[in-house]
């Protein structure tokens, strides 16, 4: 059996879980501006596969690259790092 190559992992916050088996993960990064040498916060949203539907809005999760699962879904949830504080 052959091993997979290195796959990217990202950490982000879930902003939507209204789809079946899919969540929307917001990943924020700090990048340095080339000309002004200032840190800029960049955001990206990724659709990630959540087959059990365990994730809730506000959870911090780690996602990993995978084969294409659907048209826009190329990431999978590998672990939930922190659950959201839900008051109510």
PDB file of N, CA and C in Angstrom:
ATOM      1  N   UNK A   1       0.840  -1.182   0.000  1.00  0.00           N
ATOM      2  CA  UNK A   1       0.000   0.000   0.000  1.00  0.00           C
ATOM      3  C   UNK A   1       0.884   1.244   0.000  1.00  0.00           C
ATOM      4  N   UNK A   2       0.568   2.197  -0.862  1.00  0.00           N
ATOM      5  CA  UNK A   2       1.381   3.407  -0.942  1.00  0.00           C
ATOM      6  C   UNK A   2       0.880   4.453   0.040  1.00  0.00           C
ATOM      7  N   UNK A   3       1.810   5.274   0.509  1.00  0.00           N
ATOM      8  CA  UNK A   3       1.450   6.334   1.450  1.00  0.00           C
ATOM      9  C   UNK A   3       1.055   7.587   0.693  1.00  0.00           C
ATOM     10  N   UNK A   4       0.182   8.370   1.296  1.00  0.00           N
ATOM     11  CA  UNK A   4      -0.183   9.648   0.702  1.00  0.00           C
ATOM     12  C   UNK A   4       0.928  10.646   0.952  1.00  0.00           C
ATOM     13  N   UNK A   5       0.982  11.671   0.113  1.00  0.00           N
ATOM     14  CA  UNK A   5       1.941  12.741   0.330  1.00  0.00           C
ATOM     15  C   UNK A   5       1.487  13.611   1.488  1.00  0.00           C
ATOM     16  N   UNK A   6       2.254  14.636   1.769  1.00  0.00           N
ATOM     17  CA  UNK A   6       1.870  15.568   2.822  1.00  0.00           C
ATOM     18  C   UNK A   6       0.624  16.335   2.394  1.00  0.00           C
ATOM     19  N   UNK A   7      -0.350  16.375   3.289  1.00  0.00           N
ATOM     20  CA  UNK A   7      -1.577  17.105   2.999  1.00  0.00           C
ATOM     21  C   UNK A   7      -1.662  18.313   3.913  1.00  0.00           C
ATOM     22  N   UNK A   8      -2.174  19.405   3.399  1.00  0.00           N
ATOM     23  CA  UNK A   8      -2.274  20.638   4.179  1.00  0.00           C
ATOM     24  C   UNK A   8      -3.319  20.482   5.272  1.00  0.00           C
ATOM     25  N   UNK A   9      -3.041  21.094   6.422  1.00  0.00           N
ATOM     26  CA  UNK A   9      -4.024  21.170   7.490  1.00  0.00           C
ATOM     27  C   UNK A   9      -4.202  22.631   7.857  1.00  0.00           C
ATOM     28  N   UNK A  10      -5.426  23.010   8.181  1.00  0.00           N
ATOM     29  CA  UNK A  10      -5.761  24.372   8.570  1.00  0.00           C
ATOM     30  C   UNK A  10      -6.614  24.333   9.822  1.00  0.00           C
ATOM     31  N   UNK A  11      -6.606  25.421  10.580  1.00  0.00           N
ATOM     32  CA  UNK A  11      -7.426  25.549  11.772  1.00  0.00           C
ATOM     33  C   UNK A  11      -8.350  26.744  11.591  1.00  0.00           C
ATOM     34  N   UNK A  12      -9.633  26.540  11.881  1.00  0.00           N
ATOM     35  CA  UNK A  12     -10.586  27.628  11.696  1.00  0.00           C
ATOM     36  C   UNK A  12     -11.820  27.454  12.556  1.00  0.00           C
ATOM     37  N   UNK A  13     -12.775  28.370  12.363  1.00  0.00           N
ATOM     38  CA  UNK A  13     -14.006  28.410  13.124  1.00  0.00           C
ATOM     39  C   UNK A  13     -15.186  28.129  12.204  1.00  0.00           C
ATOM     40  N   UNK A  14     -16.144  27.365  12.678  1.00  0.00           N
ATOM     41  CA  UNK A  14     -17.310  27.040  11.871  1.00  0.00           C
ATOM     42  C   UNK A  14     -18.283  28.215  11.892  1.00  0.00           C
ATOM     43  N   UNK A  15     -18.691  28.654  10.692  1.00  0.00           N
ATOM     44  CA  UNK A  15     -19.621  29.774  10.581  1.00  0.00           C
ATOM     45  C   UNK A  15     -20.983  29.336  10.070  1.00  0.00           C
ATOM     46  N   UNK A  16     -21.089  28.131   9.505  1.00  0.00           N
ATOM     47  CA  UNK A  16     -22.385  27.633   9.039  1.00  0.00           C
ATOM     48  C   UNK A  16     -22.388  26.113   9.066  1.00  0.00           C
ATOM     49  N   UNK A  17     -23.520  25.545   9.500  1.00  0.00           N
ATOM     50  CA  UNK A  17     -23.685  24.088   9.457  1.00  0.00           C
ATOM     51  C   UNK A  17     -25.080  23.730   8.946  1.00  0.00           C
ATOM     52  N   UNK A  18     -25.620  24.556   8.074  1.00  0.00           N
ATOM     53  CA  UNK A  18     -26.991  24.353   7.592  1.00  0.00           C
ATOM     54  C   UNK A  18     -27.101  23.293   6.508  1.00  0.00           C
ATOM     55  N   UNK A  19     -25.978  22.836   5.974  1.00  0.00           N
ATOM     56  CA  UNK A  19     -26.004  21.824   4.925  1.00  0.00           C
ATOM     57  C   UNK A  19     -25.891  20.435   5.538  1.00  0.00           C
ATOM     58  N   UNK A  20     -26.263  19.429   4.772  1.00  0.00           N
ATOM     59  CA  UNK A  20     -26.146  18.056   5.243  1.00  0.00           C
ATOM     60  C   UNK A  20     -24.721  17.569   5.025  1.00  0.00           C
ATOM     61  N   UNK A  21     -24.065  17.115   6.093  1.00  0.00           N
ATOM     62  CA  UNK A  21     -22.713  16.558   6.060  1.00  0.00           C
ATOM     63  C   UNK A  21     -21.654  17.556   5.585  1.00  0.00           C
ATOM     64  N   UNK A  22     -21.960  18.847   5.649  1.00  0.00           N
ATOM     65  CA  UNK A  22     -21.017  19.875   5.208  1.00  0.00           C
ATOM     66  C   UNK A  22     -21.062  21.048   6.168  1.00  0.00           C
ATOM     67  N   UNK A  23     -19.897  21.606   6.467  1.00  0.00           N
ATOM     68  CA  UNK A  23     -19.814  22.822   7.278  1.00  0.00           C
ATOM     69  C   UNK A  23     -18.948  23.837   6.538  1.00  0.00           C
ATOM     70  N   UNK A  24     -19.151  25.102   6.870  1.00  0.00           N
ATOM     71  CA  UNK A  24     -18.362  26.180   6.292  1.00  0.00           C
ATOM     72  C   UNK A  24     -17.382  26.658   7.361  1.00  0.00           C
ATOM     73  N   UNK A  25     -16.090  26.578   7.061  1.00  0.00           N
ATOM     74  CA  UNK A  25     -15.038  26.889   8.036  1.00  0.00           C
ATOM     75  C   UNK A  25     -14.336  28.176   7.621  1.00  0.00           C
ATOM     76  N   UNK A  26     -14.251  29.135   8.544  1.00  0.00           N
ATOM     77  CA  UNK A  26     -13.565  30.404   8.316  1.00  0.00           C
ATOM     78  C   UNK A  26     -12.150  30.308   8.885  1.00  0.00           C
ATOM     79  N   UNK A  27     -11.151  30.507   8.021  1.00  0.00           N
ATOM     80  CA  UNK A  27      -9.748  30.439   8.433  1.00  0.00           C
ATOM     81  C   UNK A  27      -9.159  31.841   8.309  1.00  0.00           C
ATOM     82  N   UNK A  28      -8.574  32.340   9.394  1.00  0.00           N
ATOM     83  CA  UNK A  28      -7.939  33.662   9.394  1.00  0.00           C
ATOM     84  C   UNK A  28      -6.432  33.497   9.482  1.00  0.00           C
ATOM     85  N   UNK A  29      -5.718  34.305   8.686  1.00  0.00           N
ATOM     86  CA  UNK A  29      -4.258  34.281   8.693  1.00  0.00           C
ATOM     87  C   UNK A  29      -3.741  35.711   8.803  1.00  0.00           C
ATOM     88  N   UNK A  30      -2.544  35.858   9.358  1.00  0.00           N
ATOM     89  CA  UNK A  30      -1.860  37.145   9.339  1.00  0.00           C
ATOM     90  C   UNK A  30      -0.763  37.071   8.295  1.00  0.00           C
ATOM     91  N   UNK A  31      -0.799  37.995   7.329  1.00  0.00           N
ATOM     92  CA  UNK A  31       0.242  38.052   6.309  1.00  0.00           C
ATOM     93  C   UNK A  31       0.854  39.439   6.319  1.00  0.00           C
ATOM     94  N   UNK A  32       2.107  39.531   5.943  1.00  0.00           N
ATOM     95  CA  UNK A  32       2.800  40.808   5.933  1.00  0.00           C
ATOM     96  C   UNK A  32       2.690  41.441   4.545  1.00  0.00           C
ATOM     97  N   UNK A  33       2.302  42.705   4.498  1.00  0.00           N
ATOM     98  CA  UNK A  33       2.219  43.436   3.239  1.00  0.00           C
ATOM     99  C   UNK A  33       3.628  43.661   2.701  1.00  0.00           C
ATOM    100  N   UNK A  34       3.829  43.406   1.397  1.00  0.00           N
ATOM    101  CA  UNK A  34       5.175  43.479   0.831  1.00  0.00           C
ATOM    102  C   UNK A  34       5.734  44.898   0.837  1.00  0.00           C
ATOM    103  N   UNK A  35       4.924  45.874   0.452  1.00  0.00           N
ATOM    104  CA  UNK A  35       5.430  47.245   0.334  1.00  0.00           C
ATOM    105  C   UNK A  35       5.450  47.978   1.674  1.00  0.00           C
ATOM    106  N   UNK A  36       4.359  47.839   2.449  1.00  0.00           N
ATOM    107  CA  UNK A  36       4.226  48.637   3.664  1.00  0.00           C
ATOM    108  C   UNK A  36       4.692  47.926   4.924  1.00  0.00           C
ATOM    109  N   UNK A  37       5.040  46.653   4.818  1.00  0.00           N
ATOM    110  CA  UNK A  37       5.575  45.903   5.947  1.00  0.00           C
ATOM    111  C   UNK A  37       4.615  45.878   7.141  1.00  0.00           C
ATOM    112  N   UNK A  38       3.313  45.879   6.837  1.00  0.00           N
ATOM    113  CA  UNK A  38       2.285  45.874   7.870  1.00  0.00           C
ATOM    114  C   UNK A  38       1.568  44.523   7.844  1.00  0.00           C
ATOM    115  N   UNK A  39       1.158  44.048   9.003  1.00  0.00           N
ATOM    116  CA  UNK A  39       0.419  42.798   9.046  1.00  0.00           C
ATOM    117  C   UNK A  39      -1.024  43.021   8.632  1.00  0.00           C
ATOM    118  N   UNK A  40      -1.518  42.146   7.773  1.00  0.00           N
ATOM    119  CA  UNK A  40      -2.887  42.223   7.277  1.00  0.00           C
ATOM    120  C   UNK A  40      -3.580  40.917   7.603  1.00  0.00           C
ATOM    121  N   UNK A  41      -4.808  40.998   8.088  1.00  0.00           N
ATOM    122  CA  UNK A  41      -5.586  39.802   8.394  1.00  0.00           C
ATOM    123  C   UNK A  41      -6.352  39.386   7.139  1.00  0.00           C
ATOM    124  N   UNK A  42      -6.092  38.167   6.678  1.00  0.00           N
ATOM    125  CA  UNK A  42      -6.799  37.649   5.510  1.00  0.00           C
ATOM    126  C   UNK A  42      -7.708  36.510   5.956  1.00  0.00           C
ATOM    127  N   UNK A  43      -8.860  36.411   5.308  1.00  0.00           N
ATOM    128  CA  UNK A  43      -9.840  35.390   5.654  1.00  0.00           C
ATOM    129  C   UNK A  43     -10.158  34.555   4.429  1.00  0.00           C
ATOM    130  N   UNK A  44     -10.376  33.269   4.654  1.00  0.00           N
ATOM    131  CA  UNK A  44     -10.805  32.362   3.598  1.00  0.00           C
ATOM    132  C   UNK A  44     -11.864  31.436   4.177  1.00  0.00           C
ATOM    133  N   UNK A  45     -12.847  31.079   3.341  1.00  0.00           N
ATOM    134  CA  UNK A  45     -13.876  30.136   3.766  1.00  0.00           C
ATOM    135  C   UNK A  45     -13.716  28.845   2.982  1.00  0.00           C
ATOM    136  N   UNK A  46     -13.791  27.733   3.689  1.00  0.00           N
ATOM    137  CA  UNK A  46     -13.649  26.415   3.078  1.00  0.00           C
ATOM    138  C   UNK A  46     -14.857  25.558   3.440  1.00  0.00           C
ATOM    139  N   UNK A  47     -15.373  24.823   2.450  1.00  0.00           N
ATOM    140  CA  UNK A  47     -16.413  23.839   2.725  1.00  0.00           C
ATOM    141  C   UNK A  47     -15.723  22.545   3.120  1.00  0.00           C
ATOM    142  N   UNK A  48     -16.126  21.983   4.243  1.00  0.00           N
ATOM    143  CA  UNK A  48     -15.481  20.782   4.762  1.00  0.00           C
ATOM    144  C   UNK A  48     -16.521  19.698   5.024  1.00  0.00           C
ATOM    145  N   UNK A  49     -16.096  18.454   4.846  1.00  0.00           N
ATOM    146  CA  UNK A  49     -16.964  17.292   5.016  1.00  0.00           C
ATOM    147  C   UNK A  49     -17.069  16.935   6.495  1.00  0.00           C
ATOM    148  N   UNK A  50     -18.301  16.831   6.990  1.00  0.00           N
ATOM    149  CA  UNK A  50     -18.580  16.466   8.384  1.00  0.00           C
ATOM    150  C   UNK A  50     -19.615  15.339   8.366  1.00  0.00           C
ATOM    151  N   UNK A  51     -19.179  14.088   8.150  1.00  0.00           N
ATOM    152  CA  UNK A  51     -20.140  13.011   7.925  1.00  0.00           C
ATOM    153  C   UNK A  51     -21.078  12.726   9.092  1.00  0.00           C
ATOM    154  N   UNK A  52     -20.632  12.879  10.344  1.00  0.00           N
ATOM    155  CA  UNK A  52     -21.502  12.617  11.489  1.00  0.00           C
ATOM    156  C   UNK A  52     -22.364  13.812  11.861  1.00  0.00           C
ATOM    157  N   UNK A  53     -22.037  15.000  11.371  1.00  0.00           N
ATOM    158  CA  UNK A  53     -22.801  16.200  11.696  1.00  0.00           C
ATOM    159  C   UNK A  53     -22.612  16.635  13.139  1.00  0.00           C
ATOM    160  N   UNK A  54     -21.414  16.429  13.707  1.00  0.00           N
ATOM    161  CA  UNK A  54     -21.144  16.761  15.112  1.00  0.00           C
ATOM    162  C   UNK A  54     -20.845  18.241  15.325  1.00  0.00           C
ATOM    163  N   UNK A  55     -20.387  18.926  14.301  1.00  0.00           N
ATOM    164  CA  UNK A  55     -19.913  20.303  14.456  1.00  0.00           C
ATOM    165  C   UNK A  55     -21.059  21.295  14.594  1.00  0.00           C
ATOM    166  N   UNK A  56     -20.859  22.270  15.469  1.00  0.00           N
ATOM    167  CA  UNK A  56     -21.829  23.352  15.681  1.00  0.00           C
ATOM    168  C   UNK A  56     -21.178  24.684  15.333  1.00  0.00           C
ATOM    169  N   UNK A  57     -22.003  25.704  15.118  1.00  0.00           N
ATOM    170  CA  UNK A  57     -21.485  27.032  14.806  1.00  0.00           C
ATOM    171  C   UNK A  57     -20.654  27.535  15.986  1.00  0.00           C
ATOM    172  N   UNK A  58     -19.466  28.045  15.696  1.00  0.00           N
ATOM    173  CA  UNK A  58     -18.584  28.569  16.734  1.00  0.00           C
ATOM    174  C   UNK A  58     -17.502  27.594  17.172  1.00  0.00           C
ATOM    175  N   UNK A  59     -17.601  26.331  16.793  1.00  0.00           N
ATOM    176  CA  UNK A  59     -16.572  25.352  17.151  1.00  0.00           C
ATOM    177  C   UNK A  59     -15.268  25.673  16.418  1.00  0.00           C
ATOM    178  N   UNK A  60     -14.147  25.422  17.076  1.00  0.00           N
ATOM    179  CA  UNK A  60     -12.836  25.532  16.446  1.00  0.00           C
ATOM    180  C   UNK A  60     -12.429  24.136  16.001  1.00  0.00           C
ATOM    181  N   UNK A  61     -12.104  24.003  14.708  1.00  0.00           N
ATOM    182  CA  UNK A  61     -11.818  22.684  14.146  1.00  0.00           C
ATOM    183  C   UNK A  61     -10.527  22.700  13.352  1.00  0.00           C
ATOM    184  N   UNK A  62      -9.981  21.497  13.131  1.00  0.00           N
ATOM    185  CA  UNK A  62      -8.836  21.329  12.243  1.00  0.00           C
ATOM    186  C   UNK A  62      -9.332  20.577  11.014  1.00  0.00           C
ATOM    187  N   UNK A  63      -8.991  21.090   9.820  1.00  0.00           N
ATOM    188  CA  UNK A  63      -9.403  20.449   8.578  1.00  0.00           C
ATOM    189  C   UNK A  63      -8.174  20.018   7.795  1.00  0.00           C
ATOM    190  N   UNK A  64      -8.354  19.012   6.934  1.00  0.00           N
ATOM    191  CA  UNK A  64      -7.249  18.472   6.156  1.00  0.00           C
ATOM    192  C   UNK A  64      -7.692  18.351   4.702  1.00  0.00           C
ATOM    193  N   UNK A  65      -6.740  18.534   3.810  1.00  0.00           N
ATOM    194  CA  UNK A  65      -6.987  18.397   2.382  1.00  0.00           C
ATOM    195  C   UNK A  65      -7.429  16.974   2.054  1.00  0.00           C
ATOM    196  N   UNK A  66      -8.308  16.838   1.053  1.00  0.00           N
ATOM    197  CA  UNK A  66      -8.725  15.503   0.635  1.00  0.00           C
ATOM    198  C   UNK A  66      -9.054  15.524  -0.851  1.00  0.00           C
ATOM    199  N   UNK A  67      -9.441  14.384  -1.352  1.00  0.00           N
ATOM    200  CA  UNK A  67      -9.872  14.323  -2.751  1.00  0.00           C
ATOM    201  C   UNK A  67     -11.168  15.115  -2.899  1.00  0.00           C
ATOM    202  N   UNK A  68     -11.551  15.506  -4.114  1.00  0.00           N
ATOM    203  CA  UNK A  68     -12.819  16.220  -4.284  1.00  0.00           C
ATOM    204  C   UNK A  68     -14.011  15.354  -3.856  1.00  0.00           C
ATOM    205  N   UNK A  69     -14.806  15.865  -2.934  1.00  0.00           N
ATOM    206  CA  UNK A  69     -15.977  15.147  -2.441  1.00  0.00           C
ATOM    207  C   UNK A  69     -17.226  15.612  -3.187  1.00  0.00           C
ATOM    208  N   UNK A  70     -17.266  16.902  -3.538  1.00  0.00           N
ATOM    209  CA  UNK A  70     -18.335  17.458  -4.362  1.00  0.00           C
ATOM    210  C   UNK A  70     -17.746  18.631  -5.131  1.00  0.00           C
ATOM    211  N   UNK A  71     -18.604  19.438  -5.730  1.00  0.00           N
ATOM    212  CA  UNK A  71     -18.130  20.528  -6.593  1.00  0.00           C
ATOM    213  C   UNK A  71     -17.204  21.501  -5.865  1.00  0.00           C
ATOM    214  N   UNK A  72     -17.545  21.897  -4.640  1.00  0.00           N
ATOM    215  CA  UNK A  72     -16.752  22.884  -3.907  1.00  0.00           C
ATOM    216  C   UNK A  72     -16.101  22.329  -2.636  1.00  0.00           C
ATOM    217  N   UNK A  73     -16.284  21.045  -2.360  1.00  0.00           N
ATOM    218  CA  UNK A  73     -15.816  20.472  -1.097  1.00  0.00           C
ATOM    219  C   UNK A  73     -14.565  19.641  -1.322  1.00  0.00           C
ATOM    220  N   UNK A  74     -13.417  20.134  -0.787  1.00  0.00           N
ATOM    221  CA  UNK A  74     -12.132  19.444  -0.923  1.00  0.00           C
ATOM    222  C   UNK A  74     -11.402  19.298   0.412  1.00  0.00           C
ATOM    223  N   UNK A  75     -12.103  19.477   1.524  1.00  0.00           N
ATOM    224  CA  UNK A  75     -11.510  19.392   2.854  1.00  0.00           C
ATOM    225  C   UNK A  75     -12.371  18.494   3.727  1.00  0.00           C
ATOM    226  N   UNK A  76     -11.760  17.921   4.774  1.00  0.00           N
ATOM    227  CA  UNK A  76     -12.470  17.081   5.733  1.00  0.00           C
ATOM    228  C   UNK A  76     -12.134  17.525   7.148  1.00  0.00           C
ATOM    229  N   UNK A  77     -13.110  17.401   8.048  1.00  0.00           N
ATOM    230  CA  UNK A  77     -12.877  17.687   9.464  1.00  0.00           C
ATOM    231  C   UNK A  77     -12.098  16.501  10.052  1.00  0.00           C
ATOM    232  N   UNK A  78     -10.967  16.787  10.713  1.00  0.00           N
ATOM    233  CA  UNK A  78     -10.248  15.689  11.355  1.00  0.00           C
ATOM    234  C   UNK A  78     -10.395  15.712  12.875  1.00  0.00           C
ATOM    235  N   UNK A  79     -10.602  16.909  13.452  1.00  0.00           N
ATOM    236  CA  UNK A  79     -10.839  16.953  14.895  1.00  0.00           C
ATOM    237  C   UNK A  79     -11.486  18.270  15.293  1.00  0.00           C
ATOM    238  N   UNK A  80     -12.234  18.211  16.383  1.00  0.00           N
ATOM    239  CA  UNK A  80     -12.819  19.407  16.962  1.00  0.00           C
ATOM    240  C   UNK A  80     -11.901  19.820  18.113  1.00  0.00           C
ATOM    241  N   UNK A  81     -11.291  20.995  17.996  1.00  0.00           N
ATOM    242  CA  UNK A  81     -10.326  21.454  19.007  1.00  0.00           C
ATOM    243  C   UNK A  81     -11.015  22.063  20.209  1.00  0.00           C
ATOM    244  N   UNK A  82     -12.088  22.851  19.976  1.00  0.00           N
ATOM    245  CA  UNK A  82     -12.810  23.498  21.076  1.00  0.00           C
ATOM    246  C   UNK A  82     -14.270  23.635  20.694  1.00  0.00           C
ATOM    247  N   UNK A  83     -15.146  23.279  21.631  1.00  0.00           N
ATOM    248  CA  UNK A  83     -16.572  23.427  21.391  1.00  0.00           C
ATOM    249  C   UNK A  83     -16.980  24.868  21.684  1.00  0.00           C
ATOM    250  N   UNK A  84     -18.036  25.323  21.011  1.00  0.00           N
ATOM    251  CA  UNK A  84     -18.536  26.683  21.216  1.00  0.00           C
ATOM    252  C   UNK A  84     -19.260  26.773  22.553  1.00  0.00           C
ATOM    253  N   UNK A  85     -19.153  27.940  23.190  1.00  0.00           N
ATOM    254  CA  UNK A  85     -19.905  28.185  24.431  1.00  0.00           C
ATOM    255  C   UNK A  85     -21.309  28.625  24.047  1.00  0.00           C
ATOM    256  N   UNK A  86     -22.283  27.754  24.309  1.00  0.00           N
ATOM    257  CA  UNK A  86     -23.673  28.059  23.952  1.00  0.00           C
ATOM    258  C   UNK A  86     -24.428  28.378  25.223  1.00  0.00           C
ATOM    259  N   UNK A  87     -24.996  29.593  25.268  1.00  0.00           N
ATOM    260  CA  UNK A  87     -25.807  29.992  26.406  1.00  0.00           C
ATOM    261  C   UNK A  87     -27.262  30.034  25.964  1.00  0.00           C
ATOM    262  N   UNK A  88     -28.142  29.601  26.824  1.00  0.00           N
ATOM    263  CA  UNK A  88     -29.532  29.652  26.413  1.00  0.00           C
ATOM    264  C   UNK A  88     -30.374  28.916  27.290  1.00  0.00           C
TER     265      UNK A  88
END
